[in-house]
Amino acid sequence: DVYYRDMYGAEVFAPGKASNNPELPVDHVIDDDTILPIRRSRVFTFRNTAEPEAALLVGDLLITSESLQDQKHNHFVNMPVRTAMKLGGYHDTSVVISPRWRRQMEKKLPLQDDFVRLLRLEFHRLIGASGALVSNHAKEETVKAADIAFPLM
């Protein structure tokens, strides 16, 4: 955000320019090998997305942006959206692969490879750009979400 950059001198770490904020300069382009100024952290970059996207693993907490979200405990998800999620196969999981990402899968982008790599990470908690913190069993919930999105995984 330009405000934090200008007001506090914050540096922007990102996997590339974002189309939703193209005027924001990226100070550090990150990838899987980037060493961050946060102890016990690791960058995970999605390689097959339409837009640059990354996740951050800090200890056992996976911080995602749009890819994975907890929508089960999100008060802003209304009944029609919950119904659509159930129709999409998300009956018994709190973690979902976001609708934007599911549209990318419909375009045949090879996201399955990214999720296979993601599931090699050791994490127990998850927080995304939308939804609530998954404080327990986040990896197991992510496996369920990936099984729904990629049935033969």
N, C-alpha and C. Protein backbone atom coordinates (compact mmCIF):
# COMPACT_ATOMS: atom_id res chain seq x y z
N ASP A 1 0.84 -1.17 0.00
CA ASP A 1 0.00 0.00 0.00
C ASP A 1 0.89 1.24 0.00
N VAL A 2 0.60 2.19 -0.85
CA VAL A 2 1.40 3.40 -0.99
C VAL A 2 1.44 4.19 0.31
N TYR A 3 0.36 4.20 1.07
CA TYR A 3 0.32 4.94 2.33
C TYR A 3 1.45 4.48 3.27
N TYR A 4 1.56 3.18 3.50
CA TYR A 4 2.58 2.66 4.42
C TYR A 4 3.98 2.88 3.86
N ARG A 5 4.10 2.78 2.56
CA ARG A 5 5.39 3.02 1.92
C ARG A 5 5.83 4.47 2.15
N ASP A 6 4.91 5.41 1.89
CA ASP A 6 5.24 6.83 2.01
C ASP A 6 5.35 7.28 3.47
N MET A 7 4.45 6.82 4.30
CA MET A 7 4.39 7.27 5.70
C MET A 7 5.51 6.66 6.55
N TYR A 8 5.78 5.38 6.36
CA TYR A 8 6.71 4.67 7.25
C TYR A 8 7.95 4.13 6.54
N GLY A 9 8.05 4.33 5.24
CA GLY A 9 9.21 3.82 4.52
C GLY A 9 9.19 2.31 4.35
N ALA A 10 8.01 1.72 4.39
CA ALA A 10 7.90 0.26 4.24
C ALA A 10 8.38 -0.15 2.85
N GLU A 11 9.01 -1.30 2.78
CA GLU A 11 9.45 -1.85 1.50
C GLU A 11 8.45 -2.90 1.05
N VAL A 12 8.24 -2.98 -0.25
CA VAL A 12 7.28 -3.92 -0.81
C VAL A 12 8.01 -5.16 -1.28
N PHE A 13 7.64 -6.30 -0.70
CA PHE A 13 8.13 -7.61 -1.11
C PHE A 13 6.98 -8.28 -1.85
N ALA A 14 7.17 -8.67 -3.10
CA ALA A 14 6.08 -9.26 -3.87
C ALA A 14 6.65 -10.16 -4.97
N PRO A 15 5.85 -11.13 -5.44
CA PRO A 15 6.32 -12.01 -6.51
C PRO A 15 6.28 -11.34 -7.88
N GLY A 16 5.82 -10.11 -7.95
CA GLY A 16 5.74 -9.36 -9.21
C GLY A 16 4.73 -8.25 -9.06
N LYS A 17 4.56 -7.50 -10.12
CA LYS A 17 3.58 -6.40 -10.11
C LYS A 17 2.17 -6.96 -10.08
N ALA A 18 1.33 -6.34 -9.29
CA ALA A 18 -0.08 -6.75 -9.20
C ALA A 18 -0.91 -5.90 -10.15
N SER A 19 -1.81 -6.52 -10.87
CA SER A 19 -2.64 -5.78 -11.81
C SER A 19 -3.64 -4.87 -11.10
N ASN A 20 -3.96 -5.18 -9.83
CA ASN A 20 -4.91 -4.34 -9.11
C ASN A 20 -4.25 -3.09 -8.52
N ASN A 21 -2.91 -3.01 -8.54
CA ASN A 21 -2.19 -1.84 -8.03
C ASN A 21 -0.87 -1.69 -8.80
N PRO A 22 -0.94 -1.50 -10.12
CA PRO A 22 0.28 -1.52 -10.93
C PRO A 22 1.24 -0.36 -10.66
N GLU A 23 0.74 0.73 -10.07
CA GLU A 23 1.63 1.87 -9.80
C GLU A 23 2.46 1.67 -8.54
N LEU A 24 2.16 0.67 -7.74
CA LEU A 24 2.93 0.41 -6.52
C LEU A 24 4.27 -0.24 -6.90
N PRO A 25 5.38 0.44 -6.61
CA PRO A 25 6.68 -0.15 -6.96
C PRO A 25 6.98 -1.36 -6.08
N VAL A 26 7.58 -2.36 -6.66
CA VAL A 26 8.01 -3.56 -5.93
C VAL A 26 9.50 -3.39 -5.64
N ASP A 27 9.87 -3.32 -4.36
CA ASP A 27 11.27 -3.16 -3.98
C ASP A 27 12.04 -4.46 -4.06
N HIS A 28 11.37 -5.56 -3.72
CA HIS A 28 12.03 -6.86 -3.70
C HIS A 28 11.12 -7.88 -4.36
N VAL A 29 11.53 -8.39 -5.52
CA VAL A 29 10.78 -9.45 -6.18
C VAL A 29 11.18 -10.75 -5.48
N ILE A 30 10.17 -11.46 -4.96
CA ILE A 30 10.45 -12.65 -4.16
C ILE A 30 10.18 -13.93 -4.96
N ASP A 31 10.89 -14.98 -4.56
CA ASP A 31 10.64 -16.32 -5.09
C ASP A 31 10.93 -17.32 -3.97
N ASP A 32 10.92 -18.59 -4.29
CA ASP A 32 11.09 -19.62 -3.26
C ASP A 32 12.43 -19.53 -2.53
N ASP A 33 13.43 -18.90 -3.15
CA ASP A 33 14.76 -18.81 -2.55
C ASP A 33 15.02 -17.51 -1.80
N THR A 34 14.05 -16.63 -1.78
CA THR A 34 14.23 -15.33 -1.11
C THR A 34 14.36 -15.51 0.40
N ILE A 35 15.35 -14.85 0.95
CA ILE A 35 15.53 -14.83 2.41
C ILE A 35 14.87 -13.55 2.91
N LEU A 36 13.90 -13.71 3.77
CA LEU A 36 13.13 -12.57 4.28
C LEU A 36 13.68 -12.09 5.62
N PRO A 37 13.39 -10.84 5.98
CA PRO A 37 13.85 -10.32 7.27
C PRO A 37 12.94 -10.74 8.43
N ILE A 38 12.34 -11.91 8.34
CA ILE A 38 11.46 -12.44 9.38
C ILE A 38 12.01 -13.81 9.77
N ARG A 39 12.30 -13.99 11.04
CA ARG A 39 12.84 -15.28 11.49
C ARG A 39 11.87 -16.42 11.21
N ARG A 40 12.41 -17.58 10.92
CA ARG A 40 11.65 -18.81 10.68
C ARG A 40 10.60 -18.63 9.59
N SER A 41 10.94 -17.87 8.57
CA SER A 41 9.99 -17.65 7.48
C SER A 41 10.52 -18.23 6.17
N ARG A 42 9.58 -18.51 5.30
CA ARG A 42 9.92 -19.08 3.99
C ARG A 42 8.86 -18.62 3.00
N VAL A 43 9.31 -18.29 1.79
CA VAL A 43 8.40 -17.89 0.72
C VAL A 43 8.03 -19.11 -0.11
N PHE A 44 6.76 -19.20 -0.46
CA PHE A 44 6.28 -20.21 -1.41
C PHE A 44 5.66 -19.44 -2.57
N THR A 45 6.16 -19.63 -3.77
CA THR A 45 5.58 -18.95 -4.92
C THR A 45 4.79 -19.94 -5.77
N PHE A 46 3.63 -19.49 -6.18
CA PHE A 46 2.82 -20.26 -7.12
C PHE A 46 3.39 -19.97 -8.51
N ARG A 47 3.70 -21.01 -9.25
CA ARG A 47 4.37 -20.85 -10.54
C ARG A 47 3.42 -20.84 -11.73
N ASN A 48 2.18 -21.27 -11.52
CA ASN A 48 1.28 -21.48 -12.65
C ASN A 48 0.02 -20.64 -12.59
N THR A 49 0.09 -19.48 -11.95
CA THR A 49 -1.09 -18.63 -11.82
C THR A 49 -1.09 -17.53 -12.88
N ALA A 50 -2.27 -17.02 -13.16
CA ALA A 50 -2.41 -15.94 -14.13
C ALA A 50 -1.75 -14.65 -13.61
N GLU A 51 -1.83 -14.40 -12.33
CA GLU A 51 -1.21 -13.24 -11.67
C GLU A 51 -0.12 -13.76 -10.74
N PRO A 52 0.96 -12.98 -10.52
CA PRO A 52 1.97 -13.41 -9.55
C PRO A 52 1.33 -13.61 -8.18
N GLU A 53 1.66 -14.70 -7.52
CA GLU A 53 1.05 -15.00 -6.22
C GLU A 53 2.06 -15.77 -5.37
N ALA A 54 2.06 -15.49 -4.08
CA ALA A 54 2.96 -16.18 -3.16
C ALA A 54 2.24 -16.40 -1.84
N ALA A 55 2.81 -17.28 -1.05
CA ALA A 55 2.36 -17.50 0.33
C ALA A 55 3.59 -17.38 1.21
N LEU A 56 3.37 -17.15 2.47
CA LEU A 56 4.47 -17.00 3.41
C LEU A 56 4.26 -18.00 4.55
N LEU A 57 5.27 -18.78 4.81
CA LEU A 57 5.25 -19.71 5.93
C LEU A 57 6.11 -19.12 7.04
N VAL A 58 5.49 -18.85 8.19
CA VAL A 58 6.20 -18.33 9.35
C VAL A 58 5.96 -19.32 10.47
N GLY A 59 6.99 -20.06 10.84
CA GLY A 59 6.81 -21.13 11.81
C GLY A 59 5.83 -22.14 11.25
N ASP A 60 4.73 -22.39 11.97
CA ASP A 60 3.72 -23.34 11.47
C ASP A 60 2.48 -22.64 10.91
N LEU A 61 2.59 -21.32 10.67
CA LEU A 61 1.48 -20.53 10.13
C LEU A 61 1.71 -20.25 8.65
N LEU A 62 0.76 -20.68 7.82
CA LEU A 62 0.81 -20.39 6.39
C LEU A 62 -0.08 -19.18 6.13
N ILE A 63 0.51 -18.13 5.58
CA ILE A 63 -0.22 -16.91 5.26
C ILE A 63 -0.39 -16.87 3.74
N THR A 64 -1.64 -16.95 3.31
CA THR A 64 -1.92 -16.93 1.88
C THR A 64 -2.62 -15.63 1.54
N SER A 65 -2.75 -15.37 0.28
CA SER A 65 -3.53 -14.18 -0.10
C SER A 65 -4.88 -14.65 -0.60
N GLU A 66 -5.00 -14.94 -1.87
CA GLU A 66 -6.29 -15.36 -2.41
C GLU A 66 -6.43 -16.87 -2.55
N SER A 67 -5.34 -17.58 -2.57
CA SER A 67 -5.38 -19.00 -2.91
C SER A 67 -6.23 -19.83 -1.96
N LEU A 68 -5.92 -19.80 -0.69
CA LEU A 68 -6.63 -20.60 0.32
C LEU A 68 -7.25 -19.68 1.34
N GLN A 69 -8.49 -19.98 1.71
CA GLN A 69 -9.22 -19.14 2.64
C GLN A 69 -10.13 -20.01 3.51
N ASP A 70 -10.40 -19.51 4.72
CA ASP A 70 -11.41 -20.15 5.57
C ASP A 70 -12.71 -19.38 5.38
N GLN A 71 -13.65 -19.98 4.71
CA GLN A 71 -14.93 -19.32 4.49
C GLN A 71 -16.03 -19.87 5.39
N LYS A 72 -15.76 -20.98 6.06
CA LYS A 72 -16.77 -21.58 6.93
C LYS A 72 -17.12 -20.67 8.11
N HIS A 73 -16.12 -19.95 8.61
CA HIS A 73 -16.32 -19.11 9.79
C HIS A 73 -16.31 -17.62 9.45
N ASN A 74 -16.55 -17.29 8.20
CA ASN A 74 -16.54 -15.90 7.75
C ASN A 74 -17.96 -15.36 7.76
N HIS A 75 -18.25 -14.37 8.62
CA HIS A 75 -19.62 -13.83 8.73
C HIS A 75 -20.07 -13.12 7.46
N PHE A 76 -19.12 -12.74 6.61
CA PHE A 76 -19.48 -11.99 5.41
C PHE A 76 -19.88 -12.90 4.25
N VAL A 77 -19.77 -14.19 4.44
CA VAL A 77 -20.20 -15.13 3.40
C VAL A 77 -21.68 -15.42 3.63
N ASN A 78 -22.50 -15.02 2.67
CA ASN A 78 -23.95 -15.15 2.84
C ASN A 78 -24.44 -16.54 2.40
N MET A 79 -25.73 -16.77 2.60
CA MET A 79 -26.32 -18.08 2.32
C MET A 79 -26.15 -18.51 0.85
N PRO A 80 -26.37 -17.65 -0.14
CA PRO A 80 -26.16 -18.09 -1.52
C PRO A 80 -24.72 -18.55 -1.79
N VAL A 81 -23.75 -17.84 -1.21
CA VAL A 81 -22.35 -18.23 -1.40
C VAL A 81 -22.08 -19.56 -0.71
N ARG A 82 -22.59 -19.73 0.50
CA ARG A 82 -22.41 -21.01 1.20
C ARG A 82 -23.03 -22.15 0.40
N THR A 83 -24.20 -21.91 -0.18
CA THR A 83 -24.85 -22.93 -1.00
C THR A 83 -24.00 -23.26 -2.22
N ALA A 84 -23.47 -22.23 -2.86
CA ALA A 84 -22.61 -22.46 -4.03
C ALA A 84 -21.36 -23.25 -3.64
N MET A 85 -20.80 -22.96 -2.47
CA MET A 85 -19.62 -23.71 -2.02
C MET A 85 -19.98 -25.17 -1.80
N LYS A 86 -21.14 -25.44 -1.22
CA LYS A 86 -21.56 -26.83 -1.02
C LYS A 86 -21.78 -27.52 -2.35
N LEU A 87 -22.40 -26.81 -3.30
CA LEU A 87 -22.59 -27.39 -4.63
C LEU A 87 -21.25 -27.64 -5.32
N GLY A 88 -20.24 -26.84 -4.97
CA GLY A 88 -18.90 -27.03 -5.52
C GLY A 88 -18.12 -28.13 -4.84
N GLY A 89 -18.72 -28.79 -3.85
CA GLY A 89 -18.07 -29.91 -3.20
C GLY A 89 -17.53 -29.64 -1.82
N TYR A 90 -17.59 -28.40 -1.36
CA TYR A 90 -17.03 -28.05 -0.05
C TYR A 90 -18.06 -28.25 1.04
N HIS A 91 -18.32 -29.52 1.41
CA HIS A 91 -19.31 -29.83 2.44
C HIS A 91 -18.71 -29.83 3.83
N ASP A 92 -17.53 -30.39 3.95
CA ASP A 92 -17.01 -30.71 5.27
C ASP A 92 -15.60 -30.17 5.48
N THR A 93 -15.31 -29.02 4.92
CA THR A 93 -13.98 -28.44 5.10
C THR A 93 -14.11 -26.96 5.37
N SER A 94 -13.24 -26.43 6.20
CA SER A 94 -13.28 -24.99 6.44
C SER A 94 -12.41 -24.25 5.43
N VAL A 95 -11.37 -24.89 4.93
CA VAL A 95 -10.48 -24.26 3.95
C VAL A 95 -11.03 -24.51 2.56
N VAL A 96 -11.08 -23.44 1.77
CA VAL A 96 -11.52 -23.57 0.38
C VAL A 96 -10.47 -22.93 -0.52
N ILE A 97 -10.43 -23.41 -1.75
CA ILE A 97 -9.65 -22.74 -2.77
C ILE A 97 -10.57 -21.66 -3.33
N SER A 98 -10.10 -20.44 -3.35
CA SER A 98 -10.97 -19.29 -3.66
C SER A 98 -11.62 -19.41 -5.03
N PRO A 99 -12.79 -18.78 -5.19
CA PRO A 99 -13.49 -18.83 -6.47
C PRO A 99 -12.64 -18.30 -7.63
N ARG A 100 -11.84 -17.27 -7.38
CA ARG A 100 -10.98 -16.73 -8.44
C ARG A 100 -10.00 -17.80 -8.92
N TRP A 101 -9.49 -18.57 -7.98
CA TRP A 101 -8.56 -19.63 -8.34
C TRP A 101 -9.27 -20.76 -9.06
N ARG A 102 -10.48 -21.05 -8.65
CA ARG A 102 -11.24 -22.11 -9.34
C ARG A 102 -11.51 -21.71 -10.79
N ARG A 103 -11.72 -20.41 -11.04
CA ARG A 103 -11.90 -19.96 -12.42
C ARG A 103 -10.61 -20.16 -13.22
N GLN A 104 -9.46 -19.96 -12.58
CA GLN A 104 -8.19 -20.23 -13.27
C GLN A 104 -8.09 -21.71 -13.64
N MET A 105 -8.57 -22.57 -12.76
CA MET A 105 -8.52 -24.01 -13.05
C MET A 105 -9.41 -24.34 -14.24
N GLU A 106 -10.54 -23.64 -14.35
CA GLU A 106 -11.42 -23.87 -15.50
C GLU A 106 -10.72 -23.49 -16.80
N LYS A 107 -9.77 -22.55 -16.71
CA LYS A 107 -9.01 -22.15 -17.90
C LYS A 107 -7.84 -23.10 -18.15
N LYS A 108 -7.80 -24.18 -17.39
CA LYS A 108 -6.80 -25.24 -17.54
C LYS A 108 -5.39 -24.80 -17.16
N LEU A 109 -5.27 -23.80 -16.29
CA LEU A 109 -3.95 -23.49 -15.77
C LEU A 109 -3.54 -24.63 -14.84
N PRO A 110 -2.31 -25.07 -14.92
CA PRO A 110 -1.89 -26.27 -14.17
C PRO A 110 -1.62 -26.00 -12.69
N LEU A 111 -2.65 -25.62 -11.96
CA LEU A 111 -2.48 -25.28 -10.55
C LEU A 111 -2.24 -26.50 -9.67
N GLN A 112 -2.60 -27.68 -10.14
CA GLN A 112 -2.41 -28.88 -9.33
C GLN A 112 -0.95 -29.03 -8.93
N ASP A 113 -0.03 -28.76 -9.84
CA ASP A 113 1.40 -28.88 -9.52
C ASP A 113 1.78 -27.95 -8.37
N ASP A 114 1.23 -26.75 -8.37
CA ASP A 114 1.52 -25.81 -7.28
C ASP A 114 1.01 -26.34 -5.94
N PHE A 115 -0.19 -26.92 -5.94
CA PHE A 115 -0.75 -27.42 -4.68
C PHE A 115 -0.02 -28.67 -4.20
N VAL A 116 0.48 -29.48 -5.11
CA VAL A 116 1.31 -30.63 -4.70
C VAL A 116 2.55 -30.10 -3.96
N ARG A 117 3.19 -29.08 -4.50
CA ARG A 117 4.36 -28.48 -3.84
C ARG A 117 3.97 -27.83 -2.51
N LEU A 118 2.84 -27.12 -2.49
CA LEU A 118 2.39 -26.45 -1.27
C LEU A 118 2.17 -27.45 -0.14
N LEU A 119 1.60 -28.59 -0.47
CA LEU A 119 1.29 -29.59 0.56
C LEU A 119 2.54 -30.28 1.11
N ARG A 120 3.69 -30.01 0.53
CA ARG A 120 4.95 -30.51 1.10
C ARG A 120 5.42 -29.65 2.27
N LEU A 121 4.85 -28.45 2.41
CA LEU A 121 5.21 -27.58 3.52
C LEU A 121 4.60 -28.11 4.81
N GLU A 122 5.27 -27.85 5.92
CA GLU A 122 4.74 -28.23 7.23
C GLU A 122 4.06 -27.02 7.85
N PHE A 123 2.73 -27.07 7.95
CA PHE A 123 1.98 -25.99 8.59
C PHE A 123 0.79 -26.59 9.31
N HIS A 124 0.37 -25.92 10.37
CA HIS A 124 -0.77 -26.37 11.17
C HIS A 124 -1.87 -25.31 11.25
N ARG A 125 -1.48 -24.05 10.98
CA ARG A 125 -2.43 -22.94 11.02
C ARG A 125 -2.39 -22.22 9.67
N LEU A 126 -3.47 -21.51 9.35
CA LEU A 126 -3.56 -20.83 8.06
C LEU A 126 -4.40 -19.58 8.20
N ILE A 127 -3.97 -18.51 7.54
CA ILE A 127 -4.80 -17.30 7.44
C ILE A 127 -4.67 -16.81 6.00
N GLY A 128 -5.81 -16.46 5.42
CA GLY A 128 -5.83 -15.95 4.05
C GLY A 128 -6.30 -14.51 4.01
N ALA A 129 -6.39 -13.97 2.81
CA ALA A 129 -6.85 -12.59 2.63
C ALA A 129 -8.31 -12.45 3.03
N SER A 130 -9.06 -13.51 2.94
CA SER A 130 -10.48 -13.51 3.33
C SER A 130 -10.69 -14.64 4.33
N GLY A 131 -11.66 -14.46 5.19
CA GLY A 131 -12.00 -15.53 6.12
C GLY A 131 -11.27 -15.39 7.43
N ALA A 132 -11.38 -16.41 8.23
CA ALA A 132 -10.84 -16.40 9.59
C ALA A 132 -9.56 -17.23 9.67
N LEU A 133 -8.90 -17.14 10.81
CA LEU A 133 -7.73 -17.96 11.09
C LEU A 133 -8.17 -19.41 11.27
N VAL A 134 -7.49 -20.32 10.61
CA VAL A 134 -7.67 -21.74 10.87
C VAL A 134 -6.57 -22.09 11.87
N SER A 135 -6.95 -22.26 13.13
CA SER A 135 -5.95 -22.39 14.19
C SER A 135 -5.51 -23.82 14.44
N ASN A 136 -6.21 -24.79 13.90
CA ASN A 136 -5.83 -26.19 14.06
C ASN A 136 -6.12 -26.95 12.78
N HIS A 137 -5.30 -27.92 12.48
CA HIS A 137 -5.55 -28.86 11.38
C HIS A 137 -5.66 -28.19 10.01
N ALA A 138 -4.97 -27.07 9.82
CA ALA A 138 -5.07 -26.35 8.54
C ALA A 138 -4.54 -27.18 7.38
N LYS A 139 -3.48 -27.94 7.61
CA LYS A 139 -2.95 -28.74 6.50
C LYS A 139 -3.95 -29.82 6.10
N GLU A 140 -4.55 -30.47 7.07
CA GLU A 140 -5.54 -31.50 6.76
C GLU A 140 -6.72 -30.90 6.00
N GLU A 141 -7.15 -29.70 6.41
CA GLU A 141 -8.25 -29.02 5.72
C GLU A 141 -7.83 -28.62 4.30
N THR A 142 -6.57 -28.25 4.13
CA THR A 142 -6.06 -27.90 2.79
C THR A 142 -6.00 -29.13 1.90
N VAL A 143 -5.64 -30.27 2.46
CA VAL A 143 -5.65 -31.52 1.69
C VAL A 143 -7.06 -31.80 1.20
N LYS A 144 -8.07 -31.62 2.07
CA LYS A 144 -9.46 -31.83 1.65
C LYS A 144 -9.84 -30.89 0.51
N ALA A 145 -9.46 -29.61 0.63
CA ALA A 145 -9.78 -28.63 -0.42
C ALA A 145 -9.11 -29.00 -1.73
N ALA A 146 -7.86 -29.45 -1.66
CA ALA A 146 -7.15 -29.85 -2.88
C ALA A 146 -7.78 -31.10 -3.50
N ASP A 147 -8.22 -32.03 -2.66
CA ASP A 147 -8.90 -33.23 -3.17
C ASP A 147 -10.19 -32.88 -3.89
N ILE A 148 -10.89 -31.86 -3.41
CA ILE A 148 -12.12 -31.42 -4.07
C ILE A 148 -11.78 -30.77 -5.41
N ALA A 149 -10.76 -29.91 -5.41
CA ALA A 149 -10.39 -29.19 -6.63
C ALA A 149 -9.72 -30.09 -7.66
N PHE A 150 -8.92 -31.03 -7.19
CA PHE A 150 -8.16 -31.93 -8.07
C PHE A 150 -8.46 -33.37 -7.65
N PRO A 151 -9.58 -33.94 -8.05
CA PRO A 151 -10.03 -35.24 -7.53
C PRO A 151 -9.04 -36.39 -7.70
N LEU A 152 -8.17 -36.33 -8.66
CA LEU A 152 -7.25 -37.44 -8.88
C LEU A 152 -5.87 -37.18 -8.31
N MET A 153 -5.74 -36.17 -7.46
CA MET A 153 -4.44 -35.77 -6.94
C MET A 153 -3.83 -36.86 -6.10
